[in-house]
N, C-alpha and C. Protein backbone atom coordinates (compact mmCIF):
# COMPACT_ATOMS: atom_id res chain seq x y z
N ASN A 1 0.81 -1.20 0.00
CA ASN A 1 0.00 0.00 0.00
C ASN A 1 0.85 1.27 0.00
N ALA A 2 2.08 1.19 0.49
CA ALA A 2 2.92 2.38 0.55
C ALA A 2 3.36 2.83 -0.84
N ASN A 3 3.61 1.88 -1.74
CA ASN A 3 4.08 2.23 -3.07
C ASN A 3 3.02 2.06 -4.14
N VAL A 4 2.19 1.05 -4.00
CA VAL A 4 1.11 0.79 -4.95
C VAL A 4 -0.14 0.48 -4.13
N ALA A 5 -1.19 1.25 -4.33
CA ALA A 5 -2.42 1.03 -3.57
C ALA A 5 -3.06 -0.29 -3.98
N ALA A 6 -3.42 -1.09 -2.99
CA ALA A 6 -4.09 -2.37 -3.23
C ALA A 6 -5.52 -2.26 -2.73
N SER A 7 -6.42 -2.93 -3.41
CA SER A 7 -7.82 -2.93 -3.01
C SER A 7 -8.06 -4.02 -1.98
N VAL A 8 -8.99 -3.78 -1.06
CA VAL A 8 -9.38 -4.81 -0.11
C VAL A 8 -9.84 -6.03 -0.90
N GLY A 9 -9.34 -7.20 -0.52
CA GLY A 9 -9.64 -8.43 -1.25
C GLY A 9 -8.51 -8.86 -2.17
N CYS A 10 -7.57 -7.96 -2.42
CA CYS A 10 -6.42 -8.27 -3.27
C CYS A 10 -5.62 -9.41 -2.65
N ALA A 11 -5.13 -10.33 -3.49
CA ALA A 11 -4.30 -11.43 -3.01
C ALA A 11 -2.98 -11.44 -3.76
N ILE A 12 -1.91 -11.72 -3.03
CA ILE A 12 -0.57 -11.84 -3.61
C ILE A 12 0.00 -13.18 -3.18
N THR A 13 0.48 -13.96 -4.14
CA THR A 13 1.10 -15.25 -3.82
C THR A 13 2.61 -15.13 -3.94
N PHE A 14 3.30 -15.61 -2.91
CA PHE A 14 4.76 -15.62 -2.87
C PHE A 14 5.22 -17.06 -3.09
N THR A 15 6.24 -17.24 -3.91
CA THR A 15 6.81 -18.56 -4.16
C THR A 15 8.30 -18.51 -3.87
N ASN A 16 8.76 -19.42 -3.02
CA ASN A 16 10.19 -19.52 -2.74
C ASN A 16 10.69 -20.79 -3.40
N GLY A 17 11.25 -20.64 -4.57
CA GLY A 17 11.79 -21.77 -5.29
C GLY A 17 13.24 -22.03 -4.94
N ASN A 18 13.78 -21.26 -4.01
CA ASN A 18 15.18 -21.36 -3.63
C ASN A 18 15.38 -22.61 -2.77
N GLY A 19 16.07 -23.59 -3.29
CA GLY A 19 16.28 -24.83 -2.56
C GLY A 19 17.26 -24.72 -1.41
N SER A 20 17.86 -23.55 -1.20
CA SER A 20 18.89 -23.44 -0.18
C SER A 20 18.48 -22.70 1.08
N GLY A 21 17.30 -22.18 1.15
CA GLY A 21 16.94 -21.48 2.38
C GLY A 21 15.62 -20.76 2.35
N MET A 22 15.36 -20.08 3.46
CA MET A 22 14.11 -19.35 3.65
C MET A 22 14.23 -17.93 3.11
N ILE A 23 13.08 -17.34 2.80
CA ILE A 23 13.02 -15.91 2.48
C ILE A 23 12.09 -15.26 3.49
N THR A 24 12.27 -13.97 3.71
CA THR A 24 11.43 -13.25 4.66
C THR A 24 10.42 -12.39 3.89
N ILE A 25 9.17 -12.49 4.32
CA ILE A 25 8.09 -11.66 3.78
C ILE A 25 7.81 -10.62 4.85
N ALA A 26 8.02 -9.35 4.51
CA ALA A 26 7.85 -8.27 5.49
C ALA A 26 6.99 -7.17 4.90
N ILE A 27 6.11 -6.64 5.71
CA ILE A 27 5.32 -5.47 5.34
C ILE A 27 5.64 -4.40 6.38
N THR A 28 6.12 -3.27 5.94
CA THR A 28 6.52 -2.24 6.89
C THR A 28 5.49 -1.13 7.06
N SER A 29 4.58 -0.95 6.11
CA SER A 29 3.62 0.14 6.21
C SER A 29 2.23 -0.33 6.62
N ASP A 30 1.97 -1.64 6.56
CA ASP A 30 0.68 -2.21 6.94
C ASP A 30 0.92 -3.27 8.01
N THR A 31 -0.14 -3.97 8.40
CA THR A 31 -0.04 -5.05 9.37
C THR A 31 -0.17 -6.38 8.65
N LEU A 32 0.76 -7.30 8.90
CA LEU A 32 0.72 -8.64 8.33
C LEU A 32 0.39 -9.60 9.47
N ARG A 33 -0.75 -10.27 9.36
CA ARG A 33 -1.24 -11.16 10.40
C ARG A 33 -1.24 -12.60 9.89
N LEU A 34 -0.74 -13.53 10.70
CA LEU A 34 -0.77 -14.94 10.35
C LEU A 34 -2.21 -15.42 10.36
N SER A 35 -2.65 -16.02 9.27
CA SER A 35 -4.03 -16.47 9.13
C SER A 35 -4.41 -17.42 10.25
N GLY A 36 -5.60 -17.22 10.82
CA GLY A 36 -6.09 -18.09 11.87
C GLY A 36 -5.55 -17.76 13.25
N GLY A 37 -4.81 -16.69 13.38
CA GLY A 37 -4.23 -16.34 14.67
C GLY A 37 -4.19 -14.85 14.88
N THR A 38 -3.49 -14.43 15.90
CA THR A 38 -3.40 -13.00 16.20
C THR A 38 -1.98 -12.47 16.09
N SER A 39 -0.99 -13.36 15.83
CA SER A 39 0.39 -12.89 15.75
C SER A 39 0.60 -12.08 14.48
N THR A 40 1.42 -11.05 14.59
CA THR A 40 1.69 -10.16 13.46
C THR A 40 3.20 -10.05 13.24
N GLY A 41 3.57 -9.51 12.11
CA GLY A 41 4.98 -9.26 11.81
C GLY A 41 5.46 -10.05 10.61
N SER A 42 6.73 -9.93 10.34
CA SER A 42 7.35 -10.61 9.20
C SER A 42 7.21 -12.12 9.33
N ARG A 43 7.23 -12.80 8.18
CA ARG A 43 7.13 -14.26 8.15
C ARG A 43 8.25 -14.82 7.30
N ALA A 44 8.78 -15.97 7.71
CA ALA A 44 9.79 -16.68 6.93
C ALA A 44 9.09 -17.75 6.12
N LEU A 45 9.36 -17.78 4.82
CA LEU A 45 8.77 -18.76 3.91
C LEU A 45 9.83 -19.80 3.57
N ALA A 46 9.53 -21.05 3.88
CA ALA A 46 10.48 -22.14 3.66
C ALA A 46 10.75 -22.35 2.16
N ALA A 47 11.87 -22.95 1.88
CA ALA A 47 12.25 -23.25 0.50
C ALA A 47 11.23 -24.16 -0.16
N ASN A 48 11.00 -23.94 -1.44
CA ASN A 48 10.08 -24.74 -2.25
C ASN A 48 8.66 -24.72 -1.73
N CYS A 49 8.23 -23.57 -1.19
CA CYS A 49 6.88 -23.40 -0.66
C CYS A 49 6.22 -22.16 -1.25
N ASN A 50 4.89 -22.10 -1.09
CA ASN A 50 4.08 -20.95 -1.49
C ASN A 50 3.32 -20.43 -0.29
N ALA A 51 3.03 -19.13 -0.31
CA ALA A 51 2.17 -18.51 0.69
C ALA A 51 1.37 -17.42 0.00
N THR A 52 0.15 -17.22 0.45
CA THR A 52 -0.70 -16.19 -0.13
C THR A 52 -1.12 -15.20 0.94
N ALA A 53 -0.95 -13.92 0.65
CA ALA A 53 -1.39 -12.84 1.53
C ALA A 53 -2.61 -12.19 0.89
N ARG A 54 -3.65 -11.96 1.71
CA ARG A 54 -4.87 -11.32 1.23
C ARG A 54 -5.15 -10.10 2.09
N GLN A 55 -5.45 -8.98 1.44
CA GLN A 55 -5.77 -7.76 2.17
C GLN A 55 -7.24 -7.80 2.57
N PHE A 56 -7.51 -7.73 3.90
CA PHE A 56 -8.91 -7.78 4.32
C PHE A 56 -9.38 -6.51 4.99
N ALA A 57 -8.52 -5.53 5.13
CA ALA A 57 -8.89 -4.18 5.57
C ALA A 57 -7.88 -3.25 4.91
N SER A 58 -8.11 -1.95 4.98
CA SER A 58 -7.28 -1.02 4.21
C SER A 58 -5.79 -1.13 4.50
N THR A 59 -5.40 -1.51 5.72
CA THR A 59 -3.98 -1.64 6.04
C THR A 59 -3.66 -2.96 6.75
N VAL A 60 -4.50 -3.97 6.57
CA VAL A 60 -4.30 -5.25 7.25
C VAL A 60 -4.33 -6.39 6.24
N TRP A 61 -3.30 -7.25 6.31
CA TRP A 61 -3.17 -8.41 5.44
C TRP A 61 -3.14 -9.67 6.28
N SER A 62 -3.66 -10.75 5.73
CA SER A 62 -3.60 -12.06 6.36
C SER A 62 -2.80 -12.97 5.43
N ILE A 63 -1.88 -13.78 6.00
CA ILE A 63 -1.05 -14.64 5.18
C ILE A 63 -1.19 -16.09 5.65
N ARG A 64 -1.22 -16.99 4.67
CA ARG A 64 -1.24 -18.43 4.98
C ARG A 64 -0.36 -19.17 4.00
N GLY A 65 0.18 -20.28 4.47
CA GLY A 65 1.06 -21.09 3.63
C GLY A 65 1.23 -22.48 4.22
N ARG A 66 0.32 -23.32 4.11
CA ARG A 66 0.26 -24.70 4.61
C ARG A 66 1.57 -25.29 5.10
N GLY A 67 1.91 -25.02 6.34
CA GLY A 67 3.10 -25.59 6.95
C GLY A 67 4.41 -25.00 6.48
N CYS A 68 4.34 -23.91 5.71
CA CYS A 68 5.56 -23.33 5.13
C CYS A 68 6.03 -22.05 5.81
N LEU A 69 5.23 -21.50 6.71
CA LEU A 69 5.57 -20.20 7.30
C LEU A 69 6.06 -20.35 8.72
N ALA A 70 7.02 -19.55 9.07
CA ALA A 70 7.52 -19.49 10.44
C ALA A 70 7.45 -18.07 10.93
């Protein structure tokens, strides 16, 4: 939202095809919440995994990635 405005309901899928390690997904201008919980902040995406973040309020995103997020 800081650089490109996203509409509520927008979804972004992240893919880590890097077989050697994790990548960090960070949002600095909005809130990133782990889906199904209340914890917020950056998330680590394991190698060879996908995660999808969906914006459900003007500055709040929810992210899920079946066993791939830390």
